[in-house]
Amino acid sequence: MPLVEVTMIEGRTPEQKSALITEVTDAVERTVSAPRHTIRVAIRELPAENWAIGGRSIAEIRAERQDTDRG
């Protein structure tokens, strides 16, 4: 039973998440010959405040970009 976990920043639409689940399932089925009914996909969504790059949260980086775009 393959289990694929996807961690991403929250904010995608239900339609985008559904498409991601379908595409990941298709890829696992095709590449490892797993029966489709045994494939599990888990999406973990994190708030932008809980995801950091280079010591700064994504929320901080986004806010800085918005300030730059306005100025």
PDB file of N, CA and C in Angstrom:
ATOM      1  N   MET A   1       0.838  -1.174   0.000  1.00  0.00           N
ATOM      2  CA  MET A   1       0.000   0.000   0.000  1.00  0.00           C
ATOM      3  C   MET A   1       0.889   1.246   0.000  1.00  0.00           C
ATOM      4  N   PRO A   2       1.122   1.854  -1.137  1.00  0.00           N
ATOM      5  CA  PRO A   2       1.911   3.079  -1.166  1.00  0.00           C
ATOM      6  C   PRO A   2       1.168   4.235  -0.493  1.00  0.00           C
ATOM      7  N   LEU A   3       1.905   5.007   0.285  1.00  0.00           N
ATOM      8  CA  LEU A   3       1.379   6.220   0.904  1.00  0.00           C
ATOM      9  C   LEU A   3       2.276   7.372   0.486  1.00  0.00           C
ATOM     10  N   VAL A   4       1.698   8.365  -0.167  1.00  0.00           N
ATOM     11  CA  VAL A   4       2.430   9.548  -0.589  1.00  0.00           C
ATOM     12  C   VAL A   4       1.921  10.716   0.248  1.00  0.00           C
ATOM     13  N   GLU A   5       2.841  11.413   0.904  1.00  0.00           N
ATOM     14  CA  GLU A   5       2.481  12.575   1.704  1.00  0.00           C
ATOM     15  C   GLU A   5       2.995  13.829   1.013  1.00  0.00           C
ATOM     16  N   VAL A   6       2.107  14.790   0.837  1.00  0.00           N
ATOM     17  CA  VAL A   6       2.453  16.057   0.213  1.00  0.00           C
ATOM     18  C   VAL A   6       2.262  17.147   1.261  1.00  0.00           C
ATOM     19  N   THR A   7       3.313  17.908   1.523  1.00  0.00           N
ATOM     20  CA  THR A   7       3.217  19.023   2.456  1.00  0.00           C
ATOM     21  C   THR A   7       3.370  20.301   1.650  1.00  0.00           C
ATOM     22  N   MET A   8       2.422  21.224   1.838  1.00  0.00           N
ATOM     23  CA  MET A   8       2.469  22.476   1.101  1.00  0.00           C
ATOM     24  C   MET A   8       1.800  23.572   1.920  1.00  0.00           C
ATOM     25  N   ILE A   9       2.043  24.791   1.503  1.00  0.00           N
ATOM     26  CA  ILE A   9       1.430  25.924   2.168  1.00  0.00           C
ATOM     27  C   ILE A   9      -0.045  25.961   1.806  1.00  0.00           C
ATOM     28  N   GLU A  10      -0.869  26.276   2.785  1.00  0.00           N
ATOM     29  CA  GLU A  10      -2.305  26.311   2.547  1.00  0.00           C
ATOM     30  C   GLU A  10      -2.662  27.390   1.528  1.00  0.00           C
ATOM     31  N   GLY A  11      -3.848  27.217   0.943  1.00  0.00           N
ATOM     32  CA  GLY A  11      -4.328  28.238   0.025  1.00  0.00           C
ATOM     33  C   GLY A  11      -4.769  27.713  -1.326  1.00  0.00           C
ATOM     34  N   ARG A  12      -4.563  26.428  -1.584  1.00  0.00           N
ATOM     35  CA  ARG A  12      -5.026  25.864  -2.856  1.00  0.00           C
ATOM     36  C   ARG A  12      -6.527  25.594  -2.782  1.00  0.00           C
ATOM     37  N   THR A  13      -7.154  25.624  -3.925  1.00  0.00           N
ATOM     38  CA  THR A  13      -8.595  25.356  -3.982  1.00  0.00           C
ATOM     39  C   THR A  13      -8.836  23.851  -3.859  1.00  0.00           C
ATOM     40  N   PRO A  14     -10.063  23.474  -3.503  1.00  0.00           N
ATOM     41  CA  PRO A  14     -10.387  22.046  -3.486  1.00  0.00           C
ATOM     42  C   PRO A  14     -10.148  21.394  -4.849  1.00  0.00           C
ATOM     43  N   GLU A  15     -10.420  22.120  -5.920  1.00  0.00           N
ATOM     44  CA  GLU A  15     -10.205  21.580  -7.258  1.00  0.00           C
ATOM     45  C   GLU A  15      -8.717  21.328  -7.529  1.00  0.00           C
ATOM     46  N   GLN A  16      -7.861  22.222  -7.086  1.00  0.00           N
ATOM     47  CA  GLN A  16      -6.424  22.022  -7.264  1.00  0.00           C
ATOM     48  C   GLN A  16      -5.936  20.818  -6.469  1.00  0.00           C
ATOM     49  N   LYS A  17      -6.426  20.675  -5.244  1.00  0.00           N
ATOM     50  CA  LYS A  17      -6.021  19.537  -4.420  1.00  0.00           C
ATOM     51  C   LYS A  17      -6.526  18.225  -5.008  1.00  0.00           C
ATOM     52  N   SER A  18      -7.725  18.236  -5.532  1.00  0.00           N
ATOM     53  CA  SER A  18      -8.265  17.036  -6.168  1.00  0.00           C
ATOM     54  C   SER A  18      -7.432  16.651  -7.388  1.00  0.00           C
ATOM     55  N   ALA A  19      -7.051  17.637  -8.182  1.00  0.00           N
ATOM     56  CA  ALA A  19      -6.211  17.376  -9.359  1.00  0.00           C
ATOM     57  C   ALA A  19      -4.847  16.831  -8.935  1.00  0.00           C
ATOM     58  N   LEU A  20      -4.289  17.373  -7.870  1.00  0.00           N
ATOM     59  CA  LEU A  20      -3.002  16.888  -7.363  1.00  0.00           C
ATOM     60  C   LEU A  20      -3.118  15.431  -6.925  1.00  0.00           C
ATOM     61  N   ILE A  21      -4.161  15.110  -6.195  1.00  0.00           N
ATOM     62  CA  ILE A  21      -4.377  13.737  -5.738  1.00  0.00           C
ATOM     63  C   ILE A  21      -4.479  12.787  -6.929  1.00  0.00           C
ATOM     64  N   THR A  22      -5.220  13.184  -7.934  1.00  0.00           N
ATOM     65  CA  THR A  22      -5.377  12.347  -9.129  1.00  0.00           C
ATOM     66  C   THR A  22      -4.044  12.144  -9.832  1.00  0.00           C
ATOM     67  N   GLU A  23      -3.298  13.218 -10.030  1.00  0.00           N
ATOM     68  CA  GLU A  23      -2.016  13.125 -10.739  1.00  0.00           C
ATOM     69  C   GLU A  23      -0.998  12.284  -9.965  1.00  0.00           C
ATOM     70  N   VAL A  24      -0.945  12.465  -8.650  1.00  0.00           N
ATOM     71  CA  VAL A  24      -0.016  11.675  -7.826  1.00  0.00           C
ATOM     72  C   VAL A  24      -0.406  10.205  -7.876  1.00  0.00           C
ATOM     73  N   THR A  25      -1.688   9.932  -7.755  1.00  0.00           N
ATOM     74  CA  THR A  25      -2.175   8.549  -7.829  1.00  0.00           C
ATOM     75  C   THR A  25      -1.821   7.926  -9.173  1.00  0.00           C
ATOM     76  N   ASP A  26      -2.052   8.663 -10.253  1.00  0.00           N
ATOM     77  CA  ASP A  26      -1.703   8.166 -11.591  1.00  0.00           C
ATOM     78  C   ASP A  26      -0.214   7.842 -11.690  1.00  0.00           C
ATOM     79  N   ALA A  27       0.628   8.733 -11.156  1.00  0.00           N
ATOM     80  CA  ALA A  27       2.079   8.535 -11.232  1.00  0.00           C
ATOM     81  C   ALA A  27       2.524   7.310 -10.447  1.00  0.00           C
ATOM     82  N   VAL A  28       1.964   7.117  -9.263  1.00  0.00           N
ATOM     83  CA  VAL A  28       2.332   5.956  -8.451  1.00  0.00           C
ATOM     84  C   VAL A  28       1.854   4.674  -9.129  1.00  0.00           C
ATOM     85  N   GLU A  29       0.654   4.694  -9.625  1.00  0.00           N
ATOM     86  CA  GLU A  29       0.114   3.513 -10.310  1.00  0.00           C
ATOM     87  C   GLU A  29       1.001   3.141 -11.511  1.00  0.00           C
ATOM     88  N   ARG A  30       1.400   4.141 -12.261  1.00  0.00           N
ATOM     89  CA  ARG A  30       2.187   3.904 -13.476  1.00  0.00           C
ATOM     90  C   ARG A  30       3.632   3.487 -13.165  1.00  0.00           C
ATOM     91  N   THR A  31       4.252   4.140 -12.203  1.00  0.00           N
ATOM     92  CA  THR A  31       5.684   3.911 -11.987  1.00  0.00           C
ATOM     93  C   THR A  31       6.026   2.712 -11.123  1.00  0.00           C
ATOM     94  N   VAL A  32       5.163   2.370 -10.182  1.00  0.00           N
ATOM     95  CA  VAL A  32       5.470   1.219  -9.316  1.00  0.00           C
ATOM     96  C   VAL A  32       4.469   0.082  -9.457  1.00  0.00           C
ATOM     97  N   SER A  33       3.594   0.222 -10.438  1.00  0.00           N
ATOM     98  CA  SER A  33       2.599  -0.814 -10.725  1.00  0.00           C
ATOM     99  C   SER A  33       1.746  -1.179  -9.516  1.00  0.00           C
ATOM    100  N   ALA A  34       1.451  -0.175  -8.701  1.00  0.00           N
ATOM    101  CA  ALA A  34       0.591  -0.418  -7.540  1.00  0.00           C
ATOM    102  C   ALA A  34      -0.862  -0.422  -7.987  1.00  0.00           C
ATOM    103  N   PRO A  35      -1.665  -1.330  -7.462  1.00  0.00           N
ATOM    104  CA  PRO A  35      -3.091  -1.280  -7.764  1.00  0.00           C
ATOM    105  C   PRO A  35      -3.677   0.040  -7.254  1.00  0.00           C
ATOM    106  N   ARG A  36      -4.447   0.695  -8.096  1.00  0.00           N
ATOM    107  CA  ARG A  36      -4.972   2.025  -7.779  1.00  0.00           C
ATOM    108  C   ARG A  36      -5.697   2.063  -6.428  1.00  0.00           C
ATOM    109  N   HIS A  37      -6.457   1.043  -6.127  1.00  0.00           N
ATOM    110  CA  HIS A  37      -7.248   1.047  -4.894  1.00  0.00           C
ATOM    111  C   HIS A  37      -6.394   0.949  -3.632  1.00  0.00           C
ATOM    112  N   THR A  38      -5.085   0.672  -3.791  1.00  0.00           N
ATOM    113  CA  THR A  38      -4.208   0.578  -2.620  1.00  0.00           C
ATOM    114  C   THR A  38      -3.410   1.851  -2.379  1.00  0.00           C
ATOM    115  N   ILE A  39      -3.492   2.813  -3.280  1.00  0.00           N
ATOM    116  CA  ILE A  39      -2.672   4.031  -3.196  1.00  0.00           C
ATOM    117  C   ILE A  39      -3.357   5.055  -2.298  1.00  0.00           C
ATOM    118  N   ARG A  40      -2.587   5.565  -1.354  1.00  0.00           N
ATOM    119  CA  ARG A  40      -3.083   6.590  -0.433  1.00  0.00           C
ATOM    120  C   ARG A  40      -2.300   7.876  -0.673  1.00  0.00           C
ATOM    121  N   VAL A  41      -2.993   9.000  -0.657  1.00  0.00           N
ATOM    122  CA  VAL A  41      -2.353  10.315  -0.787  1.00  0.00           C
ATOM    123  C   VAL A  41      -2.845  11.176   0.375  1.00  0.00           C
ATOM    124  N   ALA A  42      -1.907  11.745   1.119  1.00  0.00           N
ATOM    125  CA  ALA A  42      -2.248  12.626   2.239  1.00  0.00           C
ATOM    126  C   ALA A  42      -1.669  14.008   1.956  1.00  0.00           C
ATOM    127  N   ILE A  43      -2.511  15.006   2.055  1.00  0.00           N
ATOM    128  CA  ILE A  43      -2.058  16.388   1.882  1.00  0.00           C
ATOM    129  C   ILE A  43      -2.041  17.061   3.245  1.00  0.00           C
ATOM    130  N   ARG A  44      -0.891  17.608   3.574  1.00  0.00           N
ATOM    131  CA  ARG A  44      -0.754  18.377   4.816  1.00  0.00           C
ATOM    132  C   ARG A  44      -0.566  19.835   4.411  1.00  0.00           C
ATOM    133  N   GLU A  45      -1.440  20.674   4.917  1.00  0.00           N
ATOM    134  CA  GLU A  45      -1.342  22.092   4.598  1.00  0.00           C
ATOM    135  C   GLU A  45      -0.887  22.861   5.835  1.00  0.00           C
ATOM    136  N   LEU A  46       0.108  23.682   5.633  1.00  0.00           N
ATOM    137  CA  LEU A  46       0.634  24.486   6.723  1.00  0.00           C
ATOM    138  C   LEU A  46       0.339  25.960   6.473  1.00  0.00           C
ATOM    139  N   PRO A  47       0.041  26.702   7.530  1.00  0.00           N
ATOM    140  CA  PRO A  47      -0.098  28.139   7.372  1.00  0.00           C
ATOM    141  C   PRO A  47       1.246  28.743   6.960  1.00  0.00           C
ATOM    142  N   ALA A  48       1.196  29.820   6.209  1.00  0.00           N
ATOM    143  CA  ALA A  48       2.423  30.470   5.740  1.00  0.00           C
ATOM    144  C   ALA A  48       3.308  30.905   6.905  1.00  0.00           C
ATOM    145  N   GLU A  49       2.705  31.137   8.062  1.00  0.00           N
ATOM    146  CA  GLU A  49       3.484  31.533   9.244  1.00  0.00           C
ATOM    147  C   GLU A  49       4.305  30.370   9.798  1.00  0.00           C
ATOM    148  N   ASN A  50       3.941  29.146   9.432  1.00  0.00           N
ATOM    149  CA  ASN A  50       4.615  27.955   9.966  1.00  0.00           C
ATOM    150  C   ASN A  50       5.593  27.325   8.984  1.00  0.00           C
ATOM    151  N   TRP A  51       5.899  28.021   7.906  1.00  0.00           N
ATOM    152  CA  TRP A  51       6.827  27.506   6.900  1.00  0.00           C
ATOM    153  C   TRP A  51       7.867  28.590   6.670  1.00  0.00           C
ATOM    154  N   ALA A  52       9.127  28.237   6.800  1.00  0.00           N
ATOM    155  CA  ALA A  52      10.177  29.251   6.692  1.00  0.00           C
ATOM    156  C   ALA A  52      11.248  28.851   5.693  1.00  0.00           C
ATOM    157  N   ILE A  53      11.832  29.857   5.102  1.00  0.00           N
ATOM    158  CA  ILE A  53      12.977  29.698   4.208  1.00  0.00           C
ATOM    159  C   ILE A  53      14.023  30.703   4.654  1.00  0.00           C
ATOM    160  N   GLY A  54      15.205  30.233   4.919  1.00  0.00           N
ATOM    161  CA  GLY A  54      16.286  31.140   5.303  1.00  0.00           C
ATOM    162  C   GLY A  54      16.009  31.931   6.573  1.00  0.00           C
ATOM    163  N   GLY A  55      15.281  31.325   7.486  1.00  0.00           N
ATOM    164  CA  GLY A  55      15.029  31.968   8.769  1.00  0.00           C
ATOM    165  C   GLY A  55      13.865  32.942   8.766  1.00  0.00           C
ATOM    166  N   ARG A  56      13.135  33.032   7.668  1.00  0.00           N
ATOM    167  CA  ARG A  56      11.986  33.930   7.579  1.00  0.00           C
ATOM    168  C   ARG A  56      10.767  33.144   7.115  1.00  0.00           C
ATOM    169  N   SER A  57       9.631  33.428   7.744  1.00  0.00           N
ATOM    170  CA  SER A  57       8.421  32.701   7.357  1.00  0.00           C
ATOM    171  C   SER A  57       7.960  33.146   5.971  1.00  0.00           C
ATOM    172  N   ILE A  58       7.241  32.272   5.326  1.00  0.00           N
ATOM    173  CA  ILE A  58       6.674  32.609   4.016  1.00  0.00           C
ATOM    174  C   ILE A  58       5.751  33.820   4.151  1.00  0.00           C
ATOM    175  N   ALA A  59       5.036  33.914   5.249  1.00  0.00           N
ATOM    176  CA  ALA A  59       4.158  35.066   5.469  1.00  0.00           C
ATOM    177  C   ALA A  59       4.967  36.361   5.477  1.00  0.00           C
ATOM    178  N   GLU A  60       6.123  36.353   6.132  1.00  0.00           N
ATOM    179  CA  GLU A  60       6.981  37.543   6.156  1.00  0.00           C
ATOM    180  C   GLU A  60       7.507  37.873   4.763  1.00  0.00           C
ATOM    181  N   ILE A  61       7.927  36.845   4.047  1.00  0.00           N
ATOM    182  CA  ILE A  61       8.455  37.044   2.695  1.00  0.00           C
ATOM    183  C   ILE A  61       7.362  37.610   1.789  1.00  0.00           C
ATOM    184  N   ARG A  62       6.167  37.058   1.868  1.00  0.00           N
ATOM    185  CA  ARG A  62       5.058  37.549   1.047  1.00  0.00           C
ATOM    186  C   ARG A  62       4.714  38.995   1.387  1.00  0.00           C
ATOM    187  N   ALA A  63       4.683  39.318   2.684  1.00  0.00           N
ATOM    188  CA  ALA A  63       4.376  40.684   3.099  1.00  0.00           C
ATOM    189  C   ALA A  63       5.418  41.663   2.573  1.00  0.00           C
ATOM    190  N   GLU A  64       6.670  41.254   2.618  1.00  0.00           N
ATOM    191  CA  GLU A  64       7.745  42.102   2.109  1.00  0.00           C
ATOM    192  C   GLU A  64       7.593  42.329   0.604  1.00  0.00           C
ATOM    193  N   ARG A  65       7.255  41.280  -0.117  1.00  0.00           N
ATOM    194  CA  ARG A  65       7.048  41.407  -1.580  1.00  0.00           C
ATOM    195  C   ARG A  65       5.888  42.344  -1.885  1.00  0.00           C
ATOM    196  N   GLN A  66       4.817  42.229  -1.113  1.00  0.00           N
ATOM    197  CA  GLN A  66       3.660  43.101  -1.336  1.00  0.00           C
ATOM    198  C   GLN A  66       4.026  44.559  -1.086  1.00  0.00           C
ATOM    199  N   ASP A  67       4.822  44.800  -0.032  1.00  0.00           N
ATOM    200  CA  ASP A  67       5.271  46.165   0.242  1.00  0.00           C
ATOM    201  C   ASP A  67       6.130  46.697  -0.891  1.00  0.00           C
ATOM    202  N   THR A  68       6.991  45.851  -1.436  1.00  0.00           N
ATOM    203  CA  THR A  68       7.863  46.237  -2.543  1.00  0.00           C
ATOM    204  C   THR A  68       7.041  46.533  -3.801  1.00  0.00           C
ATOM    205  N   ASP A  69       6.025  45.695  -4.049  1.00  0.00           N
ATOM    206  CA  ASP A  69       5.168  45.882  -5.223  1.00  0.00           C
ATOM    207  C   ASP A  69       4.374  47.181  -5.146  1.00  0.00           C
ATOM    208  N   ARG A  70       4.000  47.575  -3.927  1.00  0.00           N
ATOM    209  CA  ARG A  70       3.223  48.806  -3.753  1.00  0.00           C
ATOM    210  C   ARG A  70       4.078  50.042  -3.890  1.00  0.00           C
ATOM    211  N   GLY A  71       5.357  49.904  -3.533  1.00  0.00           N
ATOM    212  CA  GLY A  71       6.231  51.084  -3.469  1.00  0.00           C
ATOM    213  C   GLY A  71       6.956  51.269  -4.714  1.00  0.00           C
TER     214      GLY A  71
END
